[in-house]
N, C-alpha and C. Protein backbone atom coordinates (compact mmCIF):
# COMPACT_ATOMS: atom_id res chain seq x y z
N MET A 1 -33.80 -0.50 3.78
CA MET A 1 -32.60 -1.20 3.21
C MET A 1 -31.38 -0.51 3.32
N ILE A 2 -30.49 -1.00 3.85
CA ILE A 2 -29.21 -0.37 4.01
C ILE A 2 -28.06 -1.00 3.10
N THR A 3 -27.33 -0.22 2.47
CA THR A 3 -26.32 -0.73 1.49
C THR A 3 -24.87 -0.34 1.92
N LEU A 4 -24.03 -1.27 2.07
CA LEU A 4 -22.73 -1.09 2.56
C LEU A 4 -21.77 -1.36 1.36
N GLU A 5 -20.78 -0.46 1.05
CA GLU A 5 -19.87 -0.89 0.06
C GLU A 5 -18.99 -2.17 0.80
N ASN A 6 -18.88 -3.11 -0.09
CA ASN A 6 -18.17 -4.30 0.27
C ASN A 6 -16.54 -4.26 0.28
N TYR A 7 -16.02 -4.03 1.39
CA TYR A 7 -14.59 -3.63 1.31
C TYR A 7 -13.78 -4.89 1.08
N SER A 8 -14.36 -6.03 1.08
CA SER A 8 -13.58 -7.52 0.82
C SER A 8 -13.67 -7.79 -0.49
N LYS A 9 -14.74 -7.22 -1.23
CA LYS A 9 -14.72 -7.65 -2.83
C LYS A 9 -15.22 -6.44 -3.64
N TRP A 10 -14.38 -6.06 -4.51
CA TRP A 10 -14.66 -4.80 -5.38
C TRP A 10 -15.93 -5.17 -6.14
N GLU A 11 -16.56 -4.14 -6.42
CA GLU A 11 -17.89 -4.24 -7.23
C GLU A 11 -19.02 -5.20 -6.66
N SER A 12 -18.98 -5.20 -5.31
CA SER A 12 -19.97 -5.85 -4.56
C SER A 12 -20.55 -5.16 -3.25
N TYR A 13 -21.68 -5.39 -2.89
CA TYR A 13 -22.27 -4.40 -1.83
C TYR A 13 -22.85 -5.45 -0.82
N ILE A 14 -23.08 -5.18 0.41
CA ILE A 14 -23.71 -5.79 1.52
C ILE A 14 -24.88 -5.04 1.65
N ILE A 15 -26.00 -5.72 1.46
CA ILE A 15 -27.36 -5.39 1.61
C ILE A 15 -28.04 -5.73 2.98
N ILE A 16 -28.35 -4.81 3.91
CA ILE A 16 -28.97 -5.45 5.15
C ILE A 16 -30.23 -4.92 5.03
N GLU A 17 -31.30 -5.79 5.39
CA GLU A 17 -32.62 -5.69 5.51
C GLU A 17 -33.14 -6.59 6.74
N HIS A 18 -33.56 -5.78 7.64
CA HIS A 18 -34.36 -6.56 8.75
C HIS A 18 -33.19 -7.15 9.73
N ASN A 19 -32.26 -6.55 9.68
CA ASN A 19 -30.86 -7.30 10.45
C ASN A 19 -30.44 -8.60 9.77
N ASN A 20 -30.90 -8.86 8.60
CA ASN A 20 -30.13 -9.98 7.75
C ASN A 20 -29.48 -9.34 6.74
N TYR A 21 -28.44 -9.96 6.27
CA TYR A 21 -27.73 -9.46 4.99
C TYR A 21 -27.53 -10.42 4.02
N SER A 22 -27.22 -9.79 2.93
CA SER A 22 -26.88 -10.63 1.71
C SER A 22 -25.91 -9.95 0.99
N ILE A 23 -25.06 -10.58 0.18
CA ILE A 23 -24.08 -9.84 -0.66
C ILE A 23 -24.17 -10.01 -2.12
N LYS A 24 -24.43 -8.93 -2.77
CA LYS A 24 -24.89 -8.79 -4.06
C LYS A 24 -23.56 -8.14 -4.90
N GLU A 25 -23.31 -8.80 -6.11
CA GLU A 25 -22.23 -8.30 -7.05
C GLU A 25 -22.98 -7.29 -7.95
N ASP A 26 -22.58 -6.29 -8.11
CA ASP A 26 -23.22 -5.16 -9.02
C ASP A 26 -22.26 -4.21 -9.46
N LYS A 27 -22.27 -4.10 -10.78
CA LYS A 27 -21.27 -2.99 -11.33
C LYS A 27 -21.74 -1.72 -11.36
N ASN A 28 -23.01 -1.52 -10.89
CA ASN A 28 -23.56 -0.15 -10.81
C ASN A 28 -22.91 0.74 -9.78
N ARG A 29 -21.91 1.46 -9.98
CA ARG A 29 -21.09 2.53 -9.12
C ARG A 29 -21.99 3.61 -8.51
N HIS A 30 -23.16 3.63 -9.12
CA HIS A 30 -23.88 4.78 -8.70
C HIS A 30 -24.99 4.40 -7.67
N ARG A 31 -24.87 3.16 -7.30
CA ARG A 31 -25.74 2.78 -6.09
C ARG A 31 -25.69 3.62 -4.68
N GLU A 32 -26.58 4.00 -4.05
CA GLU A 32 -26.48 4.57 -2.90
C GLU A 32 -26.12 3.86 -1.89
N ILE A 33 -24.95 4.40 -1.16
CA ILE A 33 -24.52 3.55 -0.13
C ILE A 33 -24.57 4.35 1.25
N GLN A 34 -24.65 3.68 2.38
CA GLN A 34 -24.78 4.35 3.64
C GLN A 34 -23.61 3.93 4.53
N GLY A 35 -22.58 3.06 4.15
CA GLY A 35 -21.50 2.87 4.91
C GLY A 35 -20.66 1.78 4.24
N VAL A 36 -19.84 1.12 5.07
CA VAL A 36 -18.72 0.23 4.55
C VAL A 36 -18.58 -1.00 5.43
N GLY A 37 -18.28 -2.28 4.89
CA GLY A 37 -18.24 -3.25 5.76
C GLY A 37 -17.51 -4.50 4.75
N GLY A 38 -17.42 -5.45 5.45
CA GLY A 38 -16.71 -6.75 4.86
C GLY A 38 -16.78 -7.91 5.68
N VAL A 39 -16.33 -9.13 5.01
CA VAL A 39 -16.10 -10.25 5.77
C VAL A 39 -15.03 -10.47 6.59
N SER A 40 -15.09 -10.75 7.89
CA SER A 40 -14.06 -10.73 8.79
C SER A 40 -13.51 -12.20 8.87
N GLU A 41 -12.37 -12.23 9.36
CA GLU A 41 -11.63 -13.59 9.44
C GLU A 41 -12.46 -14.83 9.81
N ASP A 42 -13.42 -14.59 10.86
CA ASP A 42 -14.08 -15.55 11.32
C ASP A 42 -15.61 -15.70 10.29
N GLY A 43 -15.53 -15.10 9.02
CA GLY A 43 -16.67 -15.40 8.40
C GLY A 43 -17.94 -14.56 8.66
N GLN A 44 -17.68 -13.45 9.47
CA GLN A 44 -18.96 -12.65 9.94
C GLN A 44 -18.87 -11.43 9.08
N VAL A 45 -20.03 -10.77 8.73
CA VAL A 45 -20.02 -9.47 8.08
C VAL A 45 -19.93 -8.48 9.26
N VAL A 46 -19.12 -7.55 9.02
CA VAL A 46 -18.89 -6.45 9.99
C VAL A 46 -18.85 -5.14 9.23
N GLY A 47 -19.33 -4.21 9.89
CA GLY A 47 -19.34 -2.96 9.13
C GLY A 47 -20.01 -1.84 9.95
N ILE A 48 -19.98 -0.37 9.47
CA ILE A 48 -20.47 0.78 10.12
C ILE A 48 -21.36 1.44 8.85
N TYR A 49 -22.39 2.04 9.44
CA TYR A 49 -23.29 2.89 8.53
C TYR A 49 -23.89 3.86 9.14
N VAL A 50 -24.34 4.92 8.37
CA VAL A 50 -25.21 5.90 8.86
C VAL A 50 -26.57 5.73 8.34
N GLU A 51 -27.64 5.76 9.20
CA GLU A 51 -29.20 5.93 8.90
C GLU A 51 -29.83 6.85 9.61
N ASN A 52 -30.37 7.81 8.97
CA ASN A 52 -31.19 8.87 9.68
C ASN A 52 -30.11 9.76 10.76
N GLU A 53 -29.00 9.95 10.02
CA GLU A 53 -27.99 10.76 10.78
C GLU A 53 -27.30 10.24 12.03
N GLU A 54 -27.59 8.84 12.21
CA GLU A 54 -27.07 8.18 13.40
C GLU A 54 -26.23 6.90 13.06
N LEU A 55 -25.05 6.89 13.59
CA LEU A 55 -23.99 5.81 13.47
C LEU A 55 -24.56 4.51 13.88
N ASN A 56 -24.23 3.43 13.17
CA ASN A 56 -24.51 2.17 13.53
C ASN A 56 -23.37 1.22 13.23
N PHE A 57 -23.23 0.21 14.07
CA PHE A 57 -22.25 -0.76 13.84
C PHE A 57 -22.98 -2.06 13.59
N PHE A 58 -22.63 -2.82 12.67
CA PHE A 58 -23.42 -4.18 12.30
C PHE A 58 -22.34 -5.34 12.47
N TYR A 59 -22.84 -6.39 13.25
CA TYR A 59 -22.00 -7.51 13.30
C TYR A 59 -23.01 -8.67 13.55
N ASN A 60 -22.80 -9.72 13.00
CA ASN A 60 -23.38 -10.99 13.32
C ASN A 60 -25.09 -10.67 13.34
N ASN A 61 -25.43 -10.11 12.15
CA ASN A 61 -26.79 -9.78 11.90
C ASN A 61 -27.55 -8.92 12.91
N HIS A 62 -26.74 -8.16 13.65
CA HIS A 62 -27.38 -7.16 14.63
C HIS A 62 -26.77 -5.78 14.14
N SER A 63 -27.54 -4.81 14.37
CA SER A 63 -27.18 -3.31 14.13
C SER A 63 -27.17 -2.83 15.63
N PHE A 64 -26.29 -1.97 15.85
CA PHE A 64 -26.02 -1.56 17.29
C PHE A 64 -25.87 0.02 17.02
N LEU A 65 -26.80 0.77 17.43
CA LEU A 65 -26.73 2.14 17.46
C LEU A 65 -25.56 2.66 18.36
N ALA A 66 -24.67 3.72 17.82
CA ALA A 66 -23.42 4.05 18.52
C ALA A 66 -23.36 5.46 18.44
N ARG A 67 -23.32 6.38 19.44
CA ARG A 67 -22.81 7.51 19.34
C ARG A 67 -21.13 7.75 19.30
N PRO A 68 -20.75 8.41 18.53
CA PRO A 68 -19.38 8.52 18.42
C PRO A 68 -18.30 8.53 19.45
N GLU A 69 -18.84 9.35 20.43
CA GLU A 69 -18.16 9.51 21.87
C GLU A 69 -18.44 8.12 22.75
N LYS A 70 -19.17 7.38 22.41
CA LYS A 70 -19.51 6.08 23.22
C LYS A 70 -18.92 4.81 22.42
N LEU A 71 -18.56 4.92 21.25
CA LEU A 71 -17.87 3.65 20.48
C LEU A 71 -16.38 3.68 20.64
N VAL A 72 -15.92 2.56 21.15
CA VAL A 72 -14.21 2.30 21.31
C VAL A 72 -13.94 1.16 20.57
N CYS A 73 -12.91 1.59 19.48
CA CYS A 73 -12.56 0.59 18.73
C CYS A 73 -11.12 0.30 18.96
N LYS A 74 -10.56 -1.05 19.05
CA LYS A 74 -8.98 -1.29 19.11
C LYS A 74 -8.84 -2.36 18.11
N ASN A 75 -7.56 -2.21 17.39
CA ASN A 75 -7.10 -3.23 16.72
C ASN A 75 -5.49 -3.20 16.97
N GLU A 76 -5.00 -4.03 17.58
CA GLU A 76 -3.69 -4.07 18.12
C GLU A 76 -3.00 -5.55 17.98
N TYR A 77 -1.86 -5.47 17.77
CA TYR A 77 -1.00 -6.75 17.81
C TYR A 77 -0.97 -7.41 19.01
N VAL A 78 -1.30 -8.66 19.34
CA VAL A 78 -1.26 -9.27 20.67
C VAL A 78 -0.15 -10.37 20.53
N SER A 79 0.45 -10.69 19.38
CA SER A 79 1.38 -11.50 19.39
C SER A 79 2.35 -10.94 18.07
N SER A 80 3.25 -11.70 17.73
CA SER A 80 4.07 -11.22 16.35
C SER A 80 3.32 -11.54 15.26
N SER A 81 2.25 -12.38 15.12
CA SER A 81 1.38 -12.61 14.07
C SER A 81 0.07 -12.55 14.11
N GLU A 82 -0.53 -12.09 15.41
CA GLU A 82 -1.94 -12.03 15.60
C GLU A 82 -2.29 -10.65 16.06
N ARG A 83 -3.55 -10.28 15.55
CA ARG A 83 -4.16 -8.90 16.10
C ARG A 83 -5.44 -9.13 16.69
N CYS A 84 -5.68 -8.24 17.57
CA CYS A 84 -7.01 -8.41 18.37
C CYS A 84 -7.89 -7.20 17.79
N PHE A 85 -9.02 -7.43 17.37
CA PHE A 85 -10.12 -6.34 17.05
C PHE A 85 -11.12 -6.45 17.91
N ASN A 86 -11.34 -5.13 18.53
CA ASN A 86 -12.36 -5.10 19.70
C ASN A 86 -13.25 -3.96 19.52
N VAL A 87 -14.56 -4.02 19.51
CA VAL A 87 -15.31 -3.02 19.54
C VAL A 87 -16.21 -3.17 20.75
N THR A 88 -16.40 -1.89 21.54
CA THR A 88 -17.06 -1.84 22.68
C THR A 88 -18.04 -0.44 22.45
N ILE A 89 -19.31 -0.62 22.80
CA ILE A 89 -20.41 0.43 22.62
C ILE A 89 -20.91 0.63 24.03
N GLU A 90 -21.04 1.86 24.66
CA GLU A 90 -21.32 2.19 25.89
C GLU A 90 -20.99 1.27 26.96
N GLY A 91 -19.54 0.82 26.96
CA GLY A 91 -18.99 0.16 27.75
C GLY A 91 -19.38 -1.41 27.71
N LYS A 92 -20.04 -1.85 26.63
CA LYS A 92 -20.53 -3.14 26.58
C LYS A 92 -19.61 -3.74 25.23
N GLU A 93 -19.03 -4.89 25.44
CA GLU A 93 -18.29 -5.37 24.51
C GLU A 93 -19.11 -5.99 23.47
N ILE A 94 -18.95 -5.56 22.27
CA ILE A 94 -19.81 -6.02 21.12
C ILE A 94 -19.21 -7.11 20.18
N TYR A 95 -17.94 -6.90 19.91
CA TYR A 95 -17.10 -7.79 19.04
C TYR A 95 -15.73 -8.03 19.48
N ASN A 96 -15.26 -9.17 19.65
CA ASN A 96 -13.69 -9.29 19.90
C ASN A 96 -13.44 -10.50 19.24
N ILE A 97 -12.22 -10.32 18.39
CA ILE A 97 -11.66 -11.36 17.60
C ILE A 97 -10.23 -11.27 17.49
N ILE A 98 -9.60 -12.34 17.72
CA ILE A 98 -8.05 -12.46 17.62
C ILE A 98 -7.89 -13.27 16.22
N TYR A 99 -7.11 -12.64 15.34
CA TYR A 99 -6.82 -13.00 14.05
C TYR A 99 -5.66 -12.91 13.51
N LYS A 100 -5.23 -13.61 12.38
CA LYS A 100 -4.09 -13.52 11.70
C LYS A 100 -4.22 -12.59 10.34
N PRO A 101 -3.77 -11.38 10.23
CA PRO A 101 -4.12 -10.82 9.15
C PRO A 101 -3.32 -11.29 8.06
N TYR A 102 -3.90 -11.11 6.80
CA TYR A 102 -3.16 -11.45 5.60
C TYR A 102 -2.24 -10.47 5.29
N ILE A 103 -1.23 -11.32 4.99
CA ILE A 103 0.10 -10.46 4.46
C ILE A 103 0.38 -10.78 3.07
N ASP A 104 0.37 -9.71 2.20
CA ASP A 104 0.48 -10.14 0.80
C ASP A 104 2.20 -10.25 0.63
N PRO A 105 2.76 -11.34 0.15
CA PRO A 105 4.11 -11.35 0.03
C PRO A 105 4.66 -10.58 -1.06
N GLY A 106 3.85 -9.84 -1.86
CA GLY A 106 4.39 -9.14 -2.95
C GLY A 106 4.60 -7.61 -2.25
N MET A 107 4.15 -7.40 -1.02
CA MET A 107 4.27 -6.03 -0.51
C MET A 107 5.85 -5.71 -0.51
N ILE A 108 6.77 -6.60 -0.42
CA ILE A 108 8.06 -6.24 -0.35
C ILE A 108 8.55 -5.83 -1.57
N TYR A 109 7.95 -6.02 -2.77
CA TYR A 109 8.27 -5.63 -3.98
C TYR A 109 7.58 -4.32 -4.46
N TYR A 110 6.44 -4.05 -3.96
CA TYR A 110 5.72 -2.98 -4.30
C TYR A 110 5.04 -2.12 -3.14
N ASP A 111 4.72 -0.91 -3.42
CA ASP A 111 4.12 -0.22 -2.18
C ASP A 111 2.68 -0.55 -1.99
N ALA A 112 2.25 -1.40 -0.87
CA ALA A 112 0.95 -1.70 -0.63
C ALA A 112 0.76 -1.25 0.93
N ASP A 113 -0.52 -1.10 1.10
CA ASP A 113 -0.97 -0.77 2.54
C ASP A 113 -1.58 -2.02 3.15
N PRO A 114 -1.04 -2.34 4.43
CA PRO A 114 -1.70 -3.69 4.96
C PRO A 114 -3.29 -3.68 5.15
N GLU A 115 -3.65 -2.39 5.31
CA GLU A 115 -5.19 -2.33 5.47
C GLU A 115 -6.01 -2.60 4.03
N GLU A 116 -5.19 -2.72 2.95
CA GLU A 116 -5.67 -2.85 1.66
C GLU A 116 -6.45 -4.46 1.81
N PHE A 117 -5.72 -5.33 2.44
CA PHE A 117 -6.19 -6.70 2.50
C PHE A 117 -6.77 -6.95 3.82
N ASP A 118 -7.12 -6.16 4.74
CA ASP A 118 -7.66 -6.46 6.07
C ASP A 118 -8.75 -5.54 6.31
N VAL A 119 -9.94 -5.99 6.27
CA VAL A 119 -11.30 -5.23 6.46
C VAL A 119 -11.31 -4.63 7.97
N LEU A 120 -10.74 -5.56 8.83
CA LEU A 120 -10.82 -5.16 10.37
C LEU A 120 -9.84 -4.07 10.58
N LEU A 121 -8.75 -4.12 9.93
CA LEU A 121 -7.89 -2.92 10.23
C LEU A 121 -8.36 -1.69 9.70
N TYR A 122 -8.90 -1.65 8.45
CA TYR A 122 -9.57 -0.56 7.75
C TYR A 122 -10.67 -0.01 8.45
N LEU A 123 -11.44 -0.81 9.09
CA LEU A 123 -12.74 -0.41 9.91
C LEU A 123 -12.03 0.21 11.20
N SER A 124 -11.07 -0.43 11.78
CA SER A 124 -10.50 0.14 12.88
C SER A 124 -10.00 1.62 12.80
N ARG A 125 -9.46 1.86 11.77
CA ARG A 125 -8.95 3.08 11.28
C ARG A 125 -10.12 4.20 11.15
N LEU A 126 -11.10 3.65 10.58
CA LEU A 126 -12.46 4.46 10.51
C LEU A 126 -12.91 4.88 11.81
N MET A 127 -12.81 3.82 12.71
CA MET A 127 -13.41 4.10 14.18
C MET A 127 -12.47 4.35 15.17
N LYS A 128 -11.37 4.87 14.95
CA LYS A 128 -10.27 5.00 15.82
C LYS A 128 -10.59 5.90 16.97
N ASP A 129 -11.49 6.99 16.74
CA ASP A 129 -11.80 8.06 17.73
C ASP A 129 -13.02 8.57 17.40
N LYS A 130 -13.46 9.63 18.19
CA LYS A 130 -14.81 10.36 17.90
C LYS A 130 -14.53 11.00 16.68
N GLU A 131 -13.59 11.74 16.41
CA GLU A 131 -13.31 12.50 15.42
C GLU A 131 -13.34 11.94 14.11
N SER A 132 -12.60 10.81 14.02
CA SER A 132 -12.90 9.86 12.90
C SER A 132 -14.20 9.43 12.59
N LEU A 133 -14.91 9.10 13.35
CA LEU A 133 -16.38 8.56 13.46
C LEU A 133 -17.23 9.79 12.88
N LYS A 134 -17.05 10.88 13.48
CA LYS A 134 -17.79 12.15 12.86
C LYS A 134 -17.29 12.54 11.50
N GLU A 135 -16.12 12.38 11.05
CA GLU A 135 -15.70 12.49 9.67
C GLU A 135 -16.32 11.53 8.55
N PHE A 136 -16.28 10.22 9.25
CA PHE A 136 -17.27 9.09 8.41
C PHE A 136 -18.69 9.68 8.32
N MET A 137 -19.20 10.02 9.29
CA MET A 137 -20.57 10.29 9.30
C MET A 137 -20.87 11.46 8.21
N ASN A 138 -19.99 12.62 8.24
CA ASN A 138 -20.02 13.75 7.53
C ASN A 138 -19.85 13.22 6.08
N GLY A 139 -19.00 12.53 5.74
CA GLY A 139 -18.66 11.92 4.46
C GLY A 139 -19.81 10.96 4.03
N MET A 140 -20.58 10.24 4.73
CA MET A 140 -21.73 9.50 4.20
C MET A 140 -22.80 10.70 3.89
N LYS A 141 -22.99 11.61 4.77
CA LYS A 141 -24.00 12.76 4.49
C LYS A 141 -23.68 13.55 3.30
N LEU A 142 -22.51 13.80 2.93
CA LEU A 142 -21.81 14.35 1.54
C LEU A 142 -22.24 13.32 0.44
N ILE A 143 -21.99 12.13 0.64
CA ILE A 143 -22.37 11.17 -0.49
C ILE A 143 -23.88 11.11 -0.76
N LYS A 144 -24.77 11.12 0.35
CA LYS A 144 -25.93 11.10 0.35
C LYS A 144 -26.53 12.63 -0.39
N ASP A 145 -26.17 13.56 -0.03
CA ASP A 145 -26.47 14.69 -0.43
C ASP A 145 -26.32 14.84 -2.02
N ARG A 146 -25.12 14.56 -2.39
CA ARG A 146 -24.76 14.28 -3.95
C ARG A 146 -25.74 13.54 -4.86
N LYS A 147 -26.17 12.34 -4.18
CA LYS A 147 -27.04 11.37 -4.61
C LYS A 147 -28.37 11.96 -4.94
N ASN A 148 -28.81 12.83 -4.06
CA ASN A 148 -30.03 13.16 -3.84
C ASN A 148 -30.11 14.90 -3.60
N PRO A 149 -29.89 15.54 -4.62
CA PRO A 149 -29.49 16.96 -4.42
C PRO A 149 -30.95 17.67 -4.13
N THR A 150 -31.98 17.07 -4.17
CA THR A 150 -33.29 17.84 -3.84
C THR A 150 -33.66 17.79 -2.26
N ASN A 151 -32.95 16.97 -1.60
CA ASN A 151 -33.12 16.75 -0.04
C ASN A 151 -32.29 18.02 0.68
N ASN A 152 -31.60 18.86 -0.14
CA ASN A 152 -30.82 20.05 0.51
C ASN A 152 -31.82 21.10 0.80
């Protein structure tokens, strides 16, 4: 069982078992997590996680093993109101979506980051290059080691 922090909804988790997912609400902040994900604009669950010290990308009920140097993620504006989120692993396109990001109208009054409301933008920043992916993997290892201090 893999548990992802659900970026799209506070105090909920995405549980992946046998490449099927469910979303569980849980106030247990001490749950062990292996990654982060959320629900994309097209209603798909998308995320990244670390299992057995290997990076995986999850989309459309499939997990894709990805070496950091072989995963390419782009999230760019393709028009004034639309972005394209694209993930390629070892030269094979895994996920491509053109979407309209949610823009919080209150952002002009208070300081908010656009990625606060856009899981695909958040994920693309985590996956922007191999160094970022390695930092993510190291962070997940640190979390695991803190939860299970006897594993050291």
